[in-house]
């Protein structure tokens, strides 16, 4: 079926760049195996070694990495709020216990090998959402 669509679209694939019948595959910094999705192990290792940011630029970097995996972190926006506030131009960079706790909580979520199950579309499921002035969430 895939090859039929490639032919119809007049597209070609390079065999050396194709993988078939894989038990596990890493794609776009996510690992997919056995119906579950995990953050790429390489990024988890760099997160383990991460030190608290020393300036606004480093906070932005931390938020970029953790934000990429936000779907693995329940209440991400709420947890990251102290760090997000440090990125405002009007905010002086002051690292306190509040920011440290937020940093550690984000880090702990990502090094605990979180996973998401792929949906089973043959079964019914519900989506629950919530939002506030500072955060939003869905389950």
N, C-alpha and C. Protein backbone atom coordinates (compact mmCIF):
# COMPACT_ATOMS: atom_id res chain seq x y z
N UNK A 1 0.82 -1.18 0.00
CA UNK A 1 0.00 0.00 0.00
C UNK A 1 0.88 1.27 0.00
N UNK A 2 1.90 1.30 0.83
CA UNK A 2 2.80 2.45 0.87
C UNK A 2 3.51 2.62 -0.46
N UNK A 3 4.00 1.51 -1.00
CA UNK A 3 4.72 1.59 -2.27
C UNK A 3 3.80 2.01 -3.40
N UNK A 4 2.55 1.58 -3.37
CA UNK A 4 1.57 2.02 -4.38
C UNK A 4 1.41 3.53 -4.34
N UNK A 5 1.32 4.08 -3.15
CA UNK A 5 1.17 5.54 -3.01
C UNK A 5 2.43 6.28 -3.48
N UNK A 6 3.58 5.71 -3.20
CA UNK A 6 4.83 6.32 -3.67
C UNK A 6 4.86 6.36 -5.19
N UNK A 7 4.45 5.27 -5.82
CA UNK A 7 4.43 5.20 -7.29
C UNK A 7 3.45 6.22 -7.85
N UNK A 8 2.25 6.29 -7.27
CA UNK A 8 1.24 7.25 -7.73
C UNK A 8 1.76 8.68 -7.63
N UNK A 9 2.48 8.99 -6.55
CA UNK A 9 3.01 10.34 -6.34
C UNK A 9 4.33 10.56 -7.07
N UNK A 10 4.80 9.54 -7.79
CA UNK A 10 6.07 9.61 -8.52
C UNK A 10 7.23 9.94 -7.58
N UNK A 11 7.22 9.30 -6.41
CA UNK A 11 8.29 9.49 -5.43
C UNK A 11 9.18 8.26 -5.39
N UNK A 12 10.43 8.49 -5.05
CA UNK A 12 11.39 7.39 -4.94
C UNK A 12 11.92 7.34 -3.52
N UNK A 13 12.30 6.15 -3.07
CA UNK A 13 12.90 5.99 -1.76
C UNK A 13 14.26 5.34 -1.92
N UNK A 14 15.17 5.70 -1.03
CA UNK A 14 16.50 5.12 -1.06
C UNK A 14 16.52 3.94 -0.08
N UNK A 15 16.72 2.71 -0.57
CA UNK A 15 16.66 1.53 0.31
C UNK A 15 17.56 1.64 1.55
N UNK A 16 18.71 2.26 1.42
CA UNK A 16 19.62 2.36 2.57
C UNK A 16 19.06 3.25 3.68
N UNK A 17 18.06 4.06 3.36
CA UNK A 17 17.45 4.94 4.36
C UNK A 17 16.11 4.41 4.86
N UNK A 18 15.76 3.19 4.46
CA UNK A 18 14.48 2.59 4.86
C UNK A 18 14.70 1.51 5.91
N UNK A 19 13.73 1.37 6.79
CA UNK A 19 13.75 0.30 7.80
C UNK A 19 12.39 -0.40 7.75
N UNK A 20 12.43 -1.72 7.72
CA UNK A 20 11.19 -2.50 7.66
C UNK A 20 11.17 -3.51 8.79
N UNK A 21 9.97 -3.80 9.30
CA UNK A 21 9.75 -4.83 10.31
C UNK A 21 10.63 -4.63 11.55
N UNK A 22 10.73 -3.40 12.01
CA UNK A 22 11.54 -3.07 13.19
C UNK A 22 10.71 -3.23 14.46
N UNK A 23 11.31 -3.74 15.52
CA UNK A 23 10.65 -3.83 16.82
C UNK A 23 10.69 -2.47 17.54
N UNK A 24 11.70 -1.68 17.20
CA UNK A 24 11.89 -0.38 17.84
C UNK A 24 12.52 0.56 16.83
N UNK A 25 12.05 1.82 16.83
CA UNK A 25 12.62 2.80 15.91
C UNK A 25 12.65 4.17 16.59
N UNK A 26 13.71 4.91 16.35
CA UNK A 26 13.81 6.27 16.86
C UNK A 26 13.61 7.21 15.68
N UNK A 27 12.66 8.13 15.85
CA UNK A 27 12.29 9.04 14.77
C UNK A 27 11.93 10.39 15.39
N UNK A 28 12.53 11.44 14.86
CA UNK A 28 12.27 12.79 15.36
C UNK A 28 12.40 12.89 16.88
N UNK A 29 13.49 12.34 17.40
CA UNK A 29 13.84 12.37 18.83
C UNK A 29 12.79 11.70 19.72
N UNK A 30 12.08 10.73 19.16
CA UNK A 30 11.14 9.89 19.92
C UNK A 30 11.43 8.44 19.56
N UNK A 31 11.34 7.56 20.54
CA UNK A 31 11.50 6.13 20.31
C UNK A 31 10.13 5.48 20.39
N UNK A 32 9.80 4.70 19.36
CA UNK A 32 8.52 4.01 19.31
C UNK A 32 8.79 2.52 19.38
N UNK A 33 8.14 1.85 20.35
CA UNK A 33 8.26 0.39 20.44
C UNK A 33 7.04 -0.17 21.16
N UNK A 34 6.60 -1.31 20.72
CA UNK A 34 5.50 -2.04 21.35
C UNK A 34 4.29 -1.15 21.66
N UNK A 35 3.91 -0.30 20.72
CA UNK A 35 2.73 0.54 20.90
C UNK A 35 2.90 1.67 21.88
N UNK A 36 4.14 2.00 22.23
CA UNK A 36 4.41 3.09 23.16
C UNK A 36 5.43 4.05 22.57
N UNK A 37 5.37 5.29 23.02
CA UNK A 37 6.30 6.33 22.56
C UNK A 37 7.07 6.84 23.77
N UNK A 38 8.39 6.96 23.62
CA UNK A 38 9.29 7.41 24.69
C UNK A 38 10.14 8.57 24.16
N UNK A 39 10.62 9.45 25.05
CA UNK A 39 11.63 10.43 24.62
C UNK A 39 12.89 9.68 24.20
N UNK A 40 13.61 10.22 23.23
CA UNK A 40 14.86 9.61 22.77
C UNK A 40 15.82 9.48 23.95
N UNK A 41 16.41 8.31 24.10
CA UNK A 41 17.32 8.02 25.21
C UNK A 41 18.51 8.98 25.24
N UNK A 42 18.99 9.40 24.07
CA UNK A 42 20.13 10.32 24.02
C UNK A 42 19.80 11.63 24.73
N UNK A 43 18.59 12.14 24.52
CA UNK A 43 18.19 13.37 25.19
C UNK A 43 17.99 13.16 26.68
N UNK A 44 17.49 12.00 27.07
CA UNK A 44 17.31 11.70 28.50
C UNK A 44 18.65 11.72 29.22
N UNK A 45 19.68 11.20 28.56
CA UNK A 45 21.02 11.19 29.16
C UNK A 45 21.55 12.61 29.35
N UNK A 46 21.32 13.48 28.36
CA UNK A 46 21.81 14.86 28.50
C UNK A 46 21.00 15.61 29.56
N UNK A 47 19.73 15.26 29.72
CA UNK A 47 18.91 15.88 30.75
C UNK A 47 19.40 15.48 32.14
N UNK A 48 19.80 14.21 32.30
CA UNK A 48 20.32 13.74 33.59
C UNK A 48 21.52 14.56 34.04
N UNK A 49 22.37 14.92 33.08
CA UNK A 49 23.61 15.63 33.38
C UNK A 49 23.42 17.15 33.47
N UNK A 50 22.23 17.63 33.14
CA UNK A 50 21.99 19.08 33.08
C UNK A 50 22.15 19.73 34.45
N UNK A 51 22.82 20.86 34.45
CA UNK A 51 22.99 21.67 35.66
C UNK A 51 21.98 22.81 35.62
N UNK A 52 21.64 23.38 36.76
CA UNK A 52 20.71 24.50 36.76
C UNK A 52 21.23 25.65 35.90
N UNK A 53 20.36 26.32 35.18
CA UNK A 53 20.78 27.44 34.33
C UNK A 53 21.40 28.58 35.15
N UNK A 54 22.36 29.25 34.54
CA UNK A 54 23.04 30.37 35.20
C UNK A 54 22.61 31.72 34.64
N UNK A 55 21.86 31.70 33.53
CA UNK A 55 21.41 32.95 32.93
C UNK A 55 20.15 32.70 32.10
N UNK A 56 19.57 33.78 31.59
CA UNK A 56 18.31 33.68 30.84
C UNK A 56 18.46 32.82 29.60
N UNK A 57 19.57 32.94 28.91
CA UNK A 57 19.79 32.15 27.69
C UNK A 57 19.75 30.65 28.01
N UNK A 58 20.34 30.25 29.11
CA UNK A 58 20.33 28.84 29.49
C UNK A 58 18.93 28.39 29.92
N UNK A 59 18.16 29.28 30.54
CA UNK A 59 16.77 28.95 30.89
C UNK A 59 15.96 28.70 29.62
N UNK A 60 16.15 29.54 28.63
CA UNK A 60 15.45 29.36 27.35
C UNK A 60 15.81 28.03 26.72
N UNK A 61 17.07 27.65 26.82
CA UNK A 61 17.52 26.36 26.30
C UNK A 61 16.84 25.20 27.03
N UNK A 62 16.78 25.28 28.35
CA UNK A 62 16.13 24.24 29.16
C UNK A 62 14.65 24.14 28.78
N UNK A 63 13.99 25.28 28.66
CA UNK A 63 12.57 25.29 28.30
C UNK A 63 12.36 24.74 26.89
N UNK A 64 13.31 24.98 26.00
CA UNK A 64 13.20 24.43 24.65
C UNK A 64 13.24 22.92 24.66
N UNK A 65 14.19 22.36 25.40
CA UNK A 65 14.33 20.90 25.46
C UNK A 65 13.16 20.26 26.19
N UNK A 66 12.81 20.79 27.36
CA UNK A 66 11.71 20.18 28.11
C UNK A 66 10.37 20.43 27.41
N UNK A 67 10.24 21.57 26.77
CA UNK A 67 9.00 21.87 26.05
C UNK A 67 8.78 20.94 24.87
N UNK A 68 9.87 20.50 24.25
CA UNK A 68 9.76 19.55 23.13
C UNK A 68 9.09 18.26 23.60
N UNK A 69 9.34 17.89 24.84
CA UNK A 69 8.77 16.66 25.40
C UNK A 69 7.61 16.94 26.36
N UNK A 70 6.99 18.09 26.25
CA UNK A 70 5.94 18.49 27.19
C UNK A 70 4.78 17.50 27.25
N UNK A 71 4.53 16.76 26.19
CA UNK A 71 3.41 15.81 26.21
C UNK A 71 3.66 14.67 27.20
N UNK A 72 4.91 14.49 27.63
CA UNK A 72 5.24 13.46 28.61
C UNK A 72 5.15 13.98 30.06
N UNK A 73 4.92 15.28 30.21
CA UNK A 73 4.95 15.91 31.54
C UNK A 73 3.58 16.48 31.88
N UNK A 74 2.84 15.81 32.77
CA UNK A 74 1.53 16.36 33.17
C UNK A 74 1.70 17.75 33.79
N UNK A 75 0.82 18.66 33.44
CA UNK A 75 0.84 20.04 33.98
C UNK A 75 2.14 20.77 33.65
N UNK A 76 2.68 20.53 32.47
CA UNK A 76 3.96 21.12 32.08
C UNK A 76 3.96 22.64 32.26
N UNK A 77 2.95 23.31 31.73
CA UNK A 77 2.93 24.78 31.79
C UNK A 77 2.97 25.30 33.22
N UNK A 78 2.24 24.64 34.10
CA UNK A 78 2.20 25.05 35.50
C UNK A 78 3.56 24.83 36.17
N UNK A 79 4.19 23.69 35.89
CA UNK A 79 5.49 23.38 36.49
C UNK A 79 6.56 24.34 35.97
N UNK A 80 6.52 24.62 34.67
CA UNK A 80 7.55 25.45 34.03
C UNK A 80 7.35 26.94 34.24
N UNK A 81 6.23 27.35 34.82
CA UNK A 81 5.93 28.78 34.97
C UNK A 81 7.05 29.59 35.63
N UNK A 82 7.65 29.13 36.73
CA UNK A 82 8.73 29.93 37.33
C UNK A 82 9.91 30.15 36.36
N UNK A 83 10.19 29.16 35.54
CA UNK A 83 11.28 29.30 34.56
C UNK A 83 10.86 30.21 33.42
N UNK A 84 9.62 30.05 32.98
CA UNK A 84 9.10 30.89 31.89
C UNK A 84 9.13 32.36 32.29
N UNK A 85 8.80 32.64 33.54
CA UNK A 85 8.81 34.03 34.01
C UNK A 85 10.22 34.63 33.97
N UNK A 86 11.24 33.80 34.13
CA UNK A 86 12.62 34.30 34.08
C UNK A 86 13.03 34.75 32.68
N UNK A 87 12.29 34.34 31.66
CA UNK A 87 12.67 34.68 30.28
C UNK A 87 12.11 36.03 29.85
N UNK A 88 11.27 36.64 30.67
CA UNK A 88 10.70 37.94 30.32
C UNK A 88 11.78 39.01 30.40
N UNK A 89 11.74 39.93 29.45
CA UNK A 89 12.75 41.01 29.42
C UNK A 89 12.69 41.89 30.67
N UNK A 90 11.51 41.99 31.25
CA UNK A 90 11.34 42.87 32.42
C UNK A 90 11.73 42.19 33.73
N UNK A 91 12.08 40.90 33.67
CA UNK A 91 12.42 40.16 34.88
C UNK A 91 13.93 40.04 35.04
N UNK A 92 14.42 40.40 36.21
CA UNK A 92 15.84 40.24 36.51
C UNK A 92 16.11 38.76 36.80
N UNK A 93 17.22 38.23 36.32
CA UNK A 93 17.53 36.81 36.54
C UNK A 93 17.95 36.60 37.98
N UNK A 94 17.10 35.91 38.73
CA UNK A 94 17.40 35.53 40.11
C UNK A 94 16.94 34.09 40.30
N UNK A 95 17.89 33.20 40.51
CA UNK A 95 17.59 31.78 40.68
C UNK A 95 17.33 31.50 42.16
N UNK A 96 16.09 31.15 42.48
CA UNK A 96 15.72 30.88 43.87
C UNK A 96 15.27 29.43 44.01
N UNK A 97 14.80 29.09 45.19
CA UNK A 97 14.33 27.72 45.45
C UNK A 97 13.14 27.38 44.54
N UNK A 98 12.30 28.36 44.26
CA UNK A 98 11.12 28.13 43.40
C UNK A 98 11.55 27.67 42.00
N UNK A 99 12.52 28.34 41.42
CA UNK A 99 13.01 27.97 40.09
C UNK A 99 13.74 26.63 40.15
N UNK A 100 14.50 26.41 41.22
CA UNK A 100 15.23 25.15 41.37
C UNK A 100 14.27 23.97 41.43
N UNK A 101 13.19 24.12 42.19
CA UNK A 101 12.20 23.05 42.31
C UNK A 101 11.53 22.76 40.96
N UNK A 102 11.22 23.81 40.21
CA UNK A 102 10.62 23.64 38.89
C UNK A 102 11.59 22.91 37.96
N UNK A 103 12.85 23.33 37.97
CA UNK A 103 13.88 22.71 37.14
C UNK A 103 14.01 21.22 37.48
N UNK A 104 14.09 20.92 38.76
CA UNK A 104 14.25 19.52 39.19
C UNK A 104 13.03 18.68 38.85
N UNK A 105 11.84 19.25 38.99
CA UNK A 105 10.63 18.49 38.68
C UNK A 105 10.56 18.16 37.19
N UNK A 106 10.87 19.13 36.34
CA UNK A 106 10.88 18.87 34.89
C UNK A 106 11.92 17.81 34.56
N UNK A 107 13.08 17.96 35.15
CA UNK A 107 14.18 17.01 34.92
C UNK A 107 13.78 15.60 35.37
N UNK A 108 13.18 15.49 36.55
CA UNK A 108 12.79 14.18 37.08
C UNK A 108 11.74 13.50 36.21
N UNK A 109 10.80 14.26 35.69
CA UNK A 109 9.80 13.66 34.80
C UNK A 109 10.47 13.03 33.59
N UNK A 110 11.44 13.72 33.02
CA UNK A 110 12.04 13.24 31.78
C UNK A 110 13.06 12.13 31.99
N UNK A 111 13.69 12.06 33.15
CA UNK A 111 14.66 10.97 33.37
C UNK A 111 13.99 9.73 33.94
N UNK A 112 12.70 9.83 34.27
CA UNK A 112 11.99 8.66 34.81
C UNK A 112 11.46 7.75 33.70
N UNK A 113 11.93 7.96 32.48
CA UNK A 113 11.53 7.18 31.30
C UNK A 113 10.01 7.16 31.13
N UNK A 114 9.42 8.35 30.95
CA UNK A 114 7.97 8.40 30.74
C UNK A 114 7.60 7.80 29.39
N UNK A 115 6.38 7.32 29.26
CA UNK A 115 5.94 6.81 27.97
C UNK A 115 4.48 7.16 27.74
N UNK A 116 4.13 7.19 26.49
CA UNK A 116 2.75 7.41 26.09
C UNK A 116 2.30 6.19 25.30
N UNK A 117 1.09 5.74 25.53
CA UNK A 117 0.55 4.63 24.75
C UNK A 117 -0.12 5.20 23.51
N UNK A 118 0.04 4.52 22.40
CA UNK A 118 -0.63 4.94 21.19
C UNK A 118 -2.12 4.64 21.34
N UNK A 119 -2.99 5.49 20.82
CA UNK A 119 -4.43 5.25 21.00
C UNK A 119 -4.91 4.02 20.23
N UNK A 120 -5.88 3.35 20.80
CA UNK A 120 -6.53 2.22 20.14
C UNK A 120 -7.84 2.76 19.58
N UNK A 121 -7.84 3.06 18.28
CA UNK A 121 -9.00 3.70 17.67
C UNK A 121 -10.19 2.76 17.52
N UNK A 122 -10.02 1.48 17.84
CA UNK A 122 -11.15 0.56 17.81
C UNK A 122 -11.98 0.66 19.09
N UNK A 123 -11.46 1.39 20.08
CA UNK A 123 -12.16 1.55 21.36
C UNK A 123 -12.52 3.02 21.56
N UNK A 124 -13.63 3.27 22.26
CA UNK A 124 -13.99 4.68 22.52
C UNK A 124 -13.05 5.28 23.58
N UNK A 125 -12.80 6.56 23.46
CA UNK A 125 -12.04 7.25 24.50
C UNK A 125 -12.51 8.69 24.59
N UNK A 126 -12.24 9.31 25.71
CA UNK A 126 -12.67 10.68 25.98
C UNK A 126 -11.45 11.57 26.14
N UNK A 127 -11.63 12.83 25.82
CA UNK A 127 -10.59 13.83 26.01
C UNK A 127 -11.12 14.85 27.01
N UNK A 128 -10.36 15.09 28.07
CA UNK A 128 -10.73 16.06 29.09
C UNK A 128 -9.72 17.20 29.03
N UNK A 129 -10.21 18.44 29.02
CA UNK A 129 -9.33 19.59 28.93
C UNK A 129 -9.59 20.55 30.09
N UNK A 130 -8.59 21.38 30.37
CA UNK A 130 -8.70 22.38 31.42
C UNK A 130 -7.72 23.50 31.08
N UNK A 131 -8.06 24.72 31.45
CA UNK A 131 -7.16 25.85 31.17
C UNK A 131 -7.35 26.92 32.23
N UNK A 132 -6.29 27.69 32.42
CA UNK A 132 -6.34 28.83 33.33
C UNK A 132 -5.54 29.96 32.69
N UNK A 133 -5.32 31.00 33.44
CA UNK A 133 -4.54 32.14 32.93
C UNK A 133 -3.10 31.74 32.63
N UNK A 134 -2.57 30.73 33.34
CA UNK A 134 -1.16 30.38 33.23
C UNK A 134 -0.88 29.03 32.59
N UNK A 135 -1.86 28.15 32.51
CA UNK A 135 -1.57 26.80 32.05
C UNK A 135 -2.78 26.19 31.36
N UNK A 136 -2.51 25.13 30.61
CA UNK A 136 -3.59 24.36 30.01
C UNK A 136 -3.20 22.90 30.04
N UNK A 137 -4.19 22.05 29.95
CA UNK A 137 -3.91 20.63 29.99
C UNK A 137 -5.01 19.83 29.34
N UNK A 138 -4.67 18.61 28.95
CA UNK A 138 -5.64 17.69 28.35
C UNK A 138 -5.23 16.28 28.70
N UNK A 139 -6.21 15.44 28.95
CA UNK A 139 -5.97 14.03 29.24
C UNK A 139 -6.88 13.22 28.35
